[in-house]
Amino acid sequence: SASDGGGEDSDLMILNLEDDQSCSHVSSSPRKNDLSSNLLETKRTIFITLLVFSLRYAISAFFWDRYVRLYEELLDSQTNTLQQKALQLSILHSPLTIVIFYLWRYLCALSLQDYLLFAIFIDRTWEFILKTSTIGWFALMLTAFLTELHVNQVQSVFAALTTS
């Protein structure tokens, strides 16, 4: 009967990942045999996946704000001596600093938002979220770790310069 299978299918959502929308066997209620071109995901899986993506987005925003503030304090502050100003300029123009700045340009929360909006525009949102989950976390954590090491090194150089 319809009530027997209704509870089983009510927790599943169909995610169409194909461009072919013109199926000749479209019916009002899709059967599992007809879903070979679609992906079935439970609402719980979708919720957890979106929650993890949102967490990555929030952590990216947190790290971005933190490092913008720290770099501003270190490299965009008034200096007392010409030696400190020269150090600021040499750090600002170092290849490592430039690489870190470019990494953050492409990994900050606003860039993630732009990527998500583009995926929505081309109707590939679910694929984007799934395919960027692992690499996105890896890239974000590696960039945050590298930036933390760089900021600590720059702070120690400035501290050594002011004490001498």
N, C-alpha and C. Protein backbone atom coordinates (compact mmCIF):
# COMPACT_ATOMS: atom_id res chain seq x y z
N SER A 1 0.84 -1.19 0.00
CA SER A 1 0.00 0.00 0.00
C SER A 1 0.87 1.25 0.00
N ALA A 2 0.27 2.38 -0.21
CA ALA A 2 1.01 3.64 -0.30
C ALA A 2 1.57 4.05 1.05
N SER A 3 0.89 3.68 2.14
CA SER A 3 1.36 4.09 3.46
C SER A 3 2.55 3.27 3.93
N ASP A 4 2.76 2.07 3.35
CA ASP A 4 3.90 1.25 3.76
C ASP A 4 5.21 1.87 3.30
N GLY A 5 5.30 2.30 2.07
CA GLY A 5 6.53 2.86 1.52
C GLY A 5 6.64 4.35 1.72
N GLY A 6 5.61 4.99 2.17
CA GLY A 6 5.61 6.44 2.32
C GLY A 6 6.59 6.92 3.35
N GLY A 7 6.72 6.21 4.48
CA GLY A 7 7.64 6.62 5.53
C GLY A 7 9.08 6.48 5.10
N GLU A 8 9.36 5.49 4.27
CA GLU A 8 10.73 5.26 3.80
C GLU A 8 11.17 6.35 2.84
N ASP A 9 10.31 6.75 1.93
CA ASP A 9 10.68 7.74 0.93
C ASP A 9 10.58 9.17 1.44
N SER A 10 9.90 9.40 2.56
CA SER A 10 9.72 10.76 3.03
C SER A 10 11.01 11.37 3.56
N ASP A 11 11.99 10.55 3.89
CA ASP A 11 13.24 11.07 4.42
C ASP A 11 14.32 11.18 3.36
N LEU A 12 13.97 10.93 2.08
CA LEU A 12 14.94 11.00 1.00
C LEU A 12 14.64 12.21 0.13
N MET A 13 15.71 12.81 -0.37
CA MET A 13 15.56 13.91 -1.31
C MET A 13 16.31 13.56 -2.58
N ILE A 14 15.76 13.95 -3.70
CA ILE A 14 16.37 13.67 -4.99
C ILE A 14 17.20 14.88 -5.39
N LEU A 15 18.46 14.63 -5.69
CA LEU A 15 19.34 15.69 -6.16
C LEU A 15 19.70 15.37 -7.60
N ASN A 16 19.15 16.13 -8.52
CA ASN A 16 19.40 15.90 -9.94
C ASN A 16 20.76 16.46 -10.30
N LEU A 17 21.65 15.59 -10.77
CA LEU A 17 22.99 16.01 -11.14
C LEU A 17 23.22 15.92 -12.64
N GLU A 18 22.16 15.70 -13.39
CA GLU A 18 22.26 15.58 -14.84
C GLU A 18 21.62 16.78 -15.50
N ASP A 19 22.10 17.16 -16.67
CA ASP A 19 21.49 18.24 -17.43
C ASP A 19 20.26 17.78 -18.18
N ASP A 20 20.11 16.47 -18.42
CA ASP A 20 19.02 15.93 -19.21
C ASP A 20 17.71 16.01 -18.42
N GLN A 21 16.95 17.04 -18.65
CA GLN A 21 15.67 17.23 -17.96
C GLN A 21 14.50 16.64 -18.74
N SER A 22 14.75 16.23 -19.98
CA SER A 22 13.66 15.77 -20.84
C SER A 22 13.58 14.25 -20.84
N CYS A 23 13.17 13.70 -19.73
CA CYS A 23 13.00 12.24 -19.64
C CYS A 23 11.59 11.90 -20.09
N SER A 24 11.48 10.87 -20.93
CA SER A 24 10.16 10.50 -21.42
C SER A 24 9.38 9.69 -20.39
N HIS A 25 10.06 9.21 -19.35
CA HIS A 25 9.38 8.38 -18.36
C HIS A 25 9.16 9.13 -17.05
N VAL A 26 8.92 10.45 -17.14
CA VAL A 26 8.68 11.25 -15.95
C VAL A 26 7.29 10.91 -15.42
N SER A 27 7.24 10.62 -14.13
CA SER A 27 5.95 10.32 -13.50
C SER A 27 5.80 11.21 -12.28
N SER A 28 4.64 11.18 -11.68
CA SER A 28 4.39 12.04 -10.53
C SER A 28 5.18 11.61 -9.31
N SER A 29 5.43 10.32 -9.13
CA SER A 29 6.25 9.85 -8.02
C SER A 29 7.36 8.97 -8.57
N PRO A 30 8.60 9.42 -8.46
CA PRO A 30 9.71 8.65 -9.04
C PRO A 30 9.93 7.34 -8.31
N ARG A 31 10.21 6.29 -9.10
CA ARG A 31 10.55 5.00 -8.50
C ARG A 31 12.05 4.89 -8.42
N LYS A 32 12.56 3.99 -7.62
CA LYS A 32 14.00 3.84 -7.45
C LYS A 32 14.68 3.42 -8.74
N ASN A 33 14.02 2.68 -9.62
CA ASN A 33 14.61 2.29 -10.89
C ASN A 33 14.80 3.49 -11.81
N ASP A 34 13.91 4.47 -11.71
CA ASP A 34 13.97 5.65 -12.56
C ASP A 34 15.01 6.66 -12.09
N LEU A 35 15.62 6.44 -10.94
CA LEU A 35 16.51 7.42 -10.36
C LEU A 35 17.98 7.12 -10.63
N SER A 36 18.25 6.40 -11.71
CA SER A 36 19.65 6.06 -12.00
C SER A 36 20.47 7.31 -12.31
N SER A 37 19.87 8.35 -12.86
CA SER A 37 20.61 9.57 -13.16
C SER A 37 20.54 10.58 -12.01
N ASN A 38 19.86 10.24 -10.96
CA ASN A 38 19.72 11.13 -9.80
C ASN A 38 20.43 10.52 -8.60
N LEU A 39 20.69 11.36 -7.63
CA LEU A 39 21.34 10.92 -6.42
C LEU A 39 20.36 11.10 -5.27
N LEU A 40 20.14 10.03 -4.53
CA LEU A 40 19.26 10.11 -3.37
C LEU A 40 20.10 10.39 -2.13
N GLU A 41 19.73 11.39 -1.41
CA GLU A 41 20.40 11.73 -0.15
C GLU A 41 19.34 11.91 0.93
N THR A 42 19.67 11.49 2.12
CA THR A 42 18.73 11.70 3.22
C THR A 42 18.80 13.16 3.65
N LYS A 43 17.74 13.61 4.26
CA LYS A 43 17.71 14.98 4.75
C LYS A 43 18.79 15.19 5.81
N ARG A 44 19.06 14.17 6.57
CA ARG A 44 20.10 14.25 7.61
C ARG A 44 21.48 14.44 6.97
N THR A 45 21.77 13.69 5.90
CA THR A 45 23.05 13.83 5.21
C THR A 45 23.19 15.23 4.62
N ILE A 46 22.14 15.72 4.03
CA ILE A 46 22.17 17.06 3.45
C ILE A 46 22.38 18.10 4.54
N PHE A 47 21.68 17.96 5.66
CA PHE A 47 21.82 18.90 6.76
C PHE A 47 23.25 18.90 7.31
N ILE A 48 23.82 17.73 7.52
CA ILE A 48 25.18 17.63 8.07
C ILE A 48 26.19 18.21 7.07
N THR A 49 26.02 17.91 5.80
CA THR A 49 26.93 18.43 4.78
C THR A 49 26.88 19.95 4.72
N LEU A 50 25.68 20.51 4.76
CA LEU A 50 25.55 21.97 4.74
C LEU A 50 26.05 22.60 6.03
N LEU A 51 25.89 21.92 7.14
CA LEU A 51 26.41 22.40 8.41
C LEU A 51 27.94 22.45 8.40
N VAL A 52 28.57 21.42 7.85
CA VAL A 52 30.02 21.39 7.75
C VAL A 52 30.52 22.48 6.80
N PHE A 53 29.82 22.69 5.69
CA PHE A 53 30.20 23.77 4.77
C PHE A 53 30.07 25.13 5.46
N SER A 54 29.00 25.31 6.22
CA SER A 54 28.80 26.57 6.94
C SER A 54 29.88 26.78 7.99
N LEU A 55 30.28 25.71 8.64
CA LEU A 55 31.36 25.79 9.63
C LEU A 55 32.66 26.20 8.95
N ARG A 56 32.96 25.63 7.80
CA ARG A 56 34.17 26.00 7.05
C ARG A 56 34.11 27.48 6.64
N TYR A 57 32.94 27.93 6.24
CA TYR A 57 32.74 29.33 5.86
C TYR A 57 33.00 30.24 7.06
N ALA A 58 32.46 29.88 8.24
CA ALA A 58 32.64 30.70 9.44
C ALA A 58 34.09 30.70 9.90
N ILE A 59 34.75 29.55 9.85
CA ILE A 59 36.15 29.47 10.27
C ILE A 59 37.02 30.28 9.31
N SER A 60 36.71 30.23 8.04
CA SER A 60 37.44 31.04 7.06
C SER A 60 37.30 32.52 7.38
N ALA A 61 36.10 32.96 7.71
CA ALA A 61 35.87 34.36 8.06
C ALA A 61 36.62 34.73 9.34
N PHE A 62 36.62 33.83 10.32
CA PHE A 62 37.32 34.07 11.58
C PHE A 62 38.83 34.26 11.34
N PHE A 63 39.43 33.31 10.60
CA PHE A 63 40.86 33.41 10.33
C PHE A 63 41.19 34.64 9.48
N TRP A 64 40.36 34.94 8.51
CA TRP A 64 40.58 36.13 7.68
C TRP A 64 40.62 37.39 8.54
N ASP A 65 39.63 37.55 9.41
CA ASP A 65 39.58 38.73 10.28
C ASP A 65 40.80 38.79 11.20
N ARG A 66 41.16 37.64 11.75
CA ARG A 66 42.31 37.59 12.66
C ARG A 66 43.59 38.01 11.97
N TYR A 67 43.86 37.46 10.79
CA TYR A 67 45.12 37.74 10.12
C TYR A 67 45.16 39.12 9.48
N VAL A 68 44.03 39.64 9.04
CA VAL A 68 44.00 41.01 8.55
C VAL A 68 44.37 41.97 9.67
N ARG A 69 43.81 41.73 10.85
CA ARG A 69 44.11 42.58 12.01
C ARG A 69 45.59 42.48 12.40
N LEU A 70 46.13 41.25 12.45
CA LEU A 70 47.53 41.07 12.84
C LEU A 70 48.48 41.67 11.81
N TYR A 71 48.24 41.44 10.54
CA TYR A 71 49.11 42.03 9.52
C TYR A 71 49.01 43.55 9.50
N GLU A 72 47.83 44.07 9.78
CA GLU A 72 47.68 45.52 9.84
C GLU A 72 48.49 46.10 10.98
N GLU A 73 48.46 45.44 12.14
CA GLU A 73 49.25 45.90 13.28
C GLU A 73 50.75 45.84 12.99
N LEU A 74 51.17 44.82 12.26
CA LEU A 74 52.60 44.64 12.00
C LEU A 74 53.11 45.47 10.83
N LEU A 75 52.37 45.49 9.74
CA LEU A 75 52.90 46.05 8.50
C LEU A 75 52.30 47.39 8.09
N ASP A 76 51.22 47.80 8.74
CA ASP A 76 50.58 49.05 8.35
C ASP A 76 50.51 50.02 9.54
N SER A 77 51.43 49.88 10.46
CA SER A 77 51.44 50.75 11.63
C SER A 77 52.58 51.76 11.52
N GLN A 78 52.46 52.81 12.27
CA GLN A 78 53.52 53.83 12.30
C GLN A 78 54.75 53.24 12.97
N THR A 79 55.90 53.56 12.42
CA THR A 79 57.16 53.07 13.00
C THR A 79 57.96 54.23 13.55
N ASN A 80 58.78 53.90 14.54
CA ASN A 80 59.60 54.93 15.19
C ASN A 80 60.91 55.16 14.47
N THR A 81 61.44 54.13 13.86
CA THR A 81 62.76 54.25 13.24
C THR A 81 62.69 53.90 11.76
N LEU A 82 63.72 54.33 11.07
CA LEU A 82 63.85 54.01 9.65
C LEU A 82 64.11 52.52 9.45
N GLN A 83 64.78 51.91 10.42
CA GLN A 83 65.07 50.48 10.36
C GLN A 83 63.78 49.66 10.43
N GLN A 84 62.84 50.05 11.28
CA GLN A 84 61.55 49.36 11.37
C GLN A 84 60.75 49.52 10.07
N LYS A 85 60.80 50.70 9.48
CA LYS A 85 60.09 50.95 8.22
C LYS A 85 60.68 50.08 7.10
N ALA A 86 61.99 49.96 7.06
CA ALA A 86 62.65 49.11 6.05
C ALA A 86 62.28 47.65 6.26
N LEU A 87 62.19 47.23 7.52
CA LEU A 87 61.79 45.85 7.82
C LEU A 87 60.35 45.60 7.38
N GLN A 88 59.47 46.55 7.66
CA GLN A 88 58.08 46.42 7.21
C GLN A 88 58.01 46.26 5.69
N LEU A 89 58.74 47.08 4.97
CA LEU A 89 58.72 47.02 3.51
C LEU A 89 59.32 45.71 2.99
N SER A 90 60.39 45.24 3.60
CA SER A 90 61.00 43.99 3.13
C SER A 90 60.09 42.80 3.40
N ILE A 91 59.40 42.79 4.53
CA ILE A 91 58.45 41.70 4.84
C ILE A 91 57.24 41.78 3.91
N LEU A 92 56.76 42.98 3.69
CA LEU A 92 55.59 43.16 2.83
C LEU A 92 55.87 42.72 1.39
N HIS A 93 57.09 42.88 0.93
CA HIS A 93 57.43 42.52 -0.45
C HIS A 93 58.11 41.16 -0.56
N SER A 94 58.16 40.40 0.51
CA SER A 94 58.79 39.08 0.43
C SER A 94 57.87 38.11 -0.32
N PRO A 95 58.44 37.15 -1.03
CA PRO A 95 57.63 36.19 -1.78
C PRO A 95 56.66 35.39 -0.90
N LEU A 96 57.09 35.03 0.30
CA LEU A 96 56.21 34.27 1.19
C LEU A 96 54.98 35.09 1.59
N THR A 97 55.18 36.35 1.90
CA THR A 97 54.05 37.22 2.25
C THR A 97 53.08 37.35 1.07
N ILE A 98 53.61 37.50 -0.11
CA ILE A 98 52.76 37.63 -1.30
C ILE A 98 51.98 36.34 -1.55
N VAL A 99 52.62 35.19 -1.38
CA VAL A 99 51.93 33.90 -1.54
C VAL A 99 50.81 33.78 -0.51
N ILE A 100 51.10 34.13 0.74
CA ILE A 100 50.07 34.05 1.79
C ILE A 100 48.90 34.97 1.47
N PHE A 101 49.19 36.18 1.03
CA PHE A 101 48.11 37.11 0.69
C PHE A 101 47.26 36.57 -0.45
N TYR A 102 47.88 35.98 -1.46
CA TYR A 102 47.10 35.40 -2.56
C TYR A 102 46.29 34.19 -2.12
N LEU A 103 46.86 33.36 -1.24
CA LEU A 103 46.09 32.23 -0.71
C LEU A 103 44.84 32.71 0.00
N TRP A 104 44.99 33.76 0.82
CA TRP A 104 43.82 34.28 1.52
C TRP A 104 42.84 34.96 0.57
N ARG A 105 43.34 35.52 -0.50
CA ARG A 105 42.44 36.13 -1.48
C ARG A 105 41.47 35.09 -2.05
N TYR A 106 41.96 33.87 -2.26
CA TYR A 106 41.13 32.83 -2.85
C TYR A 106 40.45 31.92 -1.83
N LEU A 107 40.81 32.04 -0.55
CA LEU A 107 40.21 31.17 0.47
C LEU A 107 39.38 31.92 1.51
N CYS A 108 39.32 33.24 1.42
CA CYS A 108 38.53 33.98 2.41
C CYS A 108 37.04 33.70 2.21
N ALA A 109 36.27 34.05 3.21
CA ALA A 109 34.84 33.74 3.20
C ALA A 109 34.11 34.41 2.03
N LEU A 110 34.51 35.61 1.68
CA LEU A 110 33.85 36.29 0.55
C LEU A 110 34.12 35.57 -0.77
N SER A 111 35.31 35.02 -0.93
CA SER A 111 35.60 34.25 -2.14
C SER A 111 34.81 32.95 -2.15
N LEU A 112 34.70 32.29 -0.98
CA LEU A 112 33.88 31.09 -0.89
C LEU A 112 32.43 31.40 -1.27
N GLN A 113 31.96 32.54 -0.83
CA GLN A 113 30.60 32.96 -1.16
C GLN A 113 30.47 33.17 -2.68
N ASP A 114 31.45 33.78 -3.29
CA ASP A 114 31.42 33.96 -4.74
C ASP A 114 31.42 32.62 -5.47
N TYR A 115 32.24 31.68 -5.01
CA TYR A 115 32.28 30.35 -5.64
C TYR A 115 30.93 29.66 -5.50
N LEU A 116 30.32 29.78 -4.32
CA LEU A 116 29.01 29.15 -4.09
C LEU A 116 27.95 29.79 -4.98
N LEU A 117 27.98 31.10 -5.11
CA LEU A 117 27.01 31.78 -5.97
C LEU A 117 27.18 31.37 -7.43
N PHE A 118 28.42 31.19 -7.87
CA PHE A 118 28.63 30.72 -9.23
C PHE A 118 28.10 29.30 -9.41
N ALA A 119 28.32 28.43 -8.40
CA ALA A 119 27.79 27.06 -8.47
C ALA A 119 26.27 27.07 -8.51
N ILE A 120 25.65 27.96 -7.77
CA ILE A 120 24.19 28.09 -7.81
C ILE A 120 23.75 28.55 -9.20
N PHE A 121 24.47 29.50 -9.75
CA PHE A 121 24.14 30.04 -11.07
C PHE A 121 24.18 28.97 -12.15
N ILE A 122 25.16 28.08 -12.09
CA ILE A 122 25.25 27.03 -13.11
C ILE A 122 24.56 25.74 -12.66
N ASP A 123 23.81 25.81 -11.58
CA ASP A 123 23.01 24.70 -11.07
C ASP A 123 23.86 23.47 -10.71
N ARG A 124 24.95 23.72 -10.00
CA ARG A 124 25.84 22.65 -9.55
C ARG A 124 26.18 22.82 -8.06
N THR A 125 25.25 23.30 -7.28
CA THR A 125 25.50 23.60 -5.88
C THR A 125 25.92 22.38 -5.09
N TRP A 126 25.16 21.30 -5.20
CA TRP A 126 25.46 20.11 -4.41
C TRP A 126 26.81 19.52 -4.81
N GLU A 127 27.09 19.49 -6.11
CA GLU A 127 28.38 18.98 -6.58
C GLU A 127 29.52 19.84 -6.05
N PHE A 128 29.35 21.15 -6.07
CA PHE A 128 30.38 22.06 -5.57
C PHE A 128 30.65 21.80 -4.09
N ILE A 129 29.60 21.69 -3.30
CA ILE A 129 29.77 21.49 -1.86
C ILE A 129 30.45 20.16 -1.58
N LEU A 130 30.05 19.11 -2.28
CA LEU A 130 30.66 17.80 -2.05
C LEU A 130 32.11 17.75 -2.52
N LYS A 131 32.38 18.28 -3.70
CA LYS A 131 33.72 18.16 -4.28
C LYS A 131 34.73 19.08 -3.64
N THR A 132 34.29 20.13 -2.99
CA THR A 132 35.24 21.03 -2.33
C THR A 132 35.35 20.79 -0.83
N SER A 133 34.63 19.83 -0.32
CA SER A 133 34.65 19.65 1.14
C SER A 133 36.02 19.26 1.65
N THR A 134 36.62 18.23 1.12
CA THR A 134 37.91 17.77 1.63
C THR A 134 39.03 18.73 1.27
N ILE A 135 39.12 19.09 0.00
CA ILE A 135 40.20 19.98 -0.43
C ILE A 135 40.05 21.36 0.20
N GLY A 136 38.82 21.79 0.42
CA GLY A 136 38.59 23.09 1.03
C GLY A 136 39.09 23.15 2.47
N TRP A 137 38.79 22.10 3.23
CA TRP A 137 39.29 22.04 4.61
C TRP A 137 40.80 21.96 4.65
N PHE A 138 41.37 21.13 3.79
CA PHE A 138 42.82 20.99 3.75
C PHE A 138 43.49 22.32 3.40
N ALA A 139 43.00 22.99 2.37
CA ALA A 139 43.58 24.26 1.94
C ALA A 139 43.43 25.33 3.02
N LEU A 140 42.27 25.39 3.65
CA LEU A 140 42.03 26.38 4.69
C LEU A 140 42.93 26.16 5.89
N MET A 141 43.04 24.92 6.37
CA MET A 141 43.86 24.65 7.55
C MET A 141 45.35 24.82 7.25
N LEU A 142 45.78 24.42 6.06
CA LEU A 142 47.18 24.59 5.68
C LEU A 142 47.52 26.08 5.57
N THR A 143 46.64 26.86 4.97
CA THR A 143 46.88 28.30 4.85
C THR A 143 46.87 28.98 6.21
N ALA A 144 45.95 28.60 7.08
CA ALA A 144 45.91 29.19 8.42
C ALA A 144 47.18 28.83 9.20
N PHE A 145 47.63 27.59 9.07
CA PHE A 145 48.85 27.16 9.76
C PHE A 145 50.07 27.92 9.23
N LEU A 146 50.19 28.02 7.93
CA LEU A 146 51.30 28.75 7.32
C LEU A 146 51.27 30.22 7.71
N THR A 147 50.09 30.81 7.73
CA THR A 147 49.95 32.21 8.10
C THR A 147 50.31 32.42 9.57
N GLU A 148 49.88 31.51 10.43
CA GLU A 148 50.20 31.62 11.85
C GLU A 148 51.72 31.57 12.08
N LEU A 149 52.39 30.65 11.38
CA LEU A 149 53.84 30.58 11.49
C LEU A 149 54.50 31.87 10.99
N HIS A 150 53.99 32.40 9.88
CA HIS A 150 54.56 33.62 9.32
C HIS A 150 54.35 34.81 10.26
N VAL A 151 53.15 34.94 10.80
CA VAL A 151 52.86 36.05 11.71
C VAL A 151 53.74 35.94 12.96
N ASN A 152 53.90 34.74 13.50
CA ASN A 152 54.75 34.57 14.68
C ASN A 152 56.20 34.93 14.37
N GLN A 153 56.68 34.56 13.19
CA GLN A 153 58.05 34.91 12.81
C GLN A 153 58.21 36.42 12.66
N VAL A 154 57.25 37.06 12.02
CA VAL A 154 57.33 38.52 11.84
C VAL A 154 57.26 39.22 13.19
N GLN A 155 56.40 38.75 14.08
CA GLN A 155 56.30 39.36 15.42
C GLN A 155 57.61 39.21 16.18
N SER A 156 58.25 38.05 16.07
CA SER A 156 59.51 37.85 16.78
C SER A 156 60.62 38.72 16.20
N VAL A 157 60.62 38.93 14.88
CA VAL A 157 61.62 39.81 14.27
C VAL A 157 61.41 41.25 14.73
N PHE A 158 60.17 41.70 14.79
CA PHE A 158 59.89 43.05 15.27
C PHE A 158 60.23 43.20 16.75
N ALA A 159 59.97 42.16 17.53
CA ALA A 159 60.29 42.20 18.96
C ALA A 159 61.81 42.26 19.15
N ALA A 160 62.55 41.50 18.37
CA ALA A 160 64.02 41.51 18.47
C ALA A 160 64.57 42.87 18.04
N LEU A 161 63.92 43.49 17.07
CA LEU A 161 64.39 44.78 16.58
C LEU A 161 64.14 45.87 17.61
N THR A 162 63.02 45.83 18.30
CA THR A 162 62.70 46.88 19.28
C THR A 162 63.48 46.72 20.57
N THR A 163 63.91 45.52 20.91
CA THR A 163 64.67 45.32 22.15
C THR A 163 66.16 45.63 21.95
N SER A 164 66.61 45.63 20.72
CA SER A 164 68.05 45.88 20.51
C SER A 164 68.36 47.35 20.31
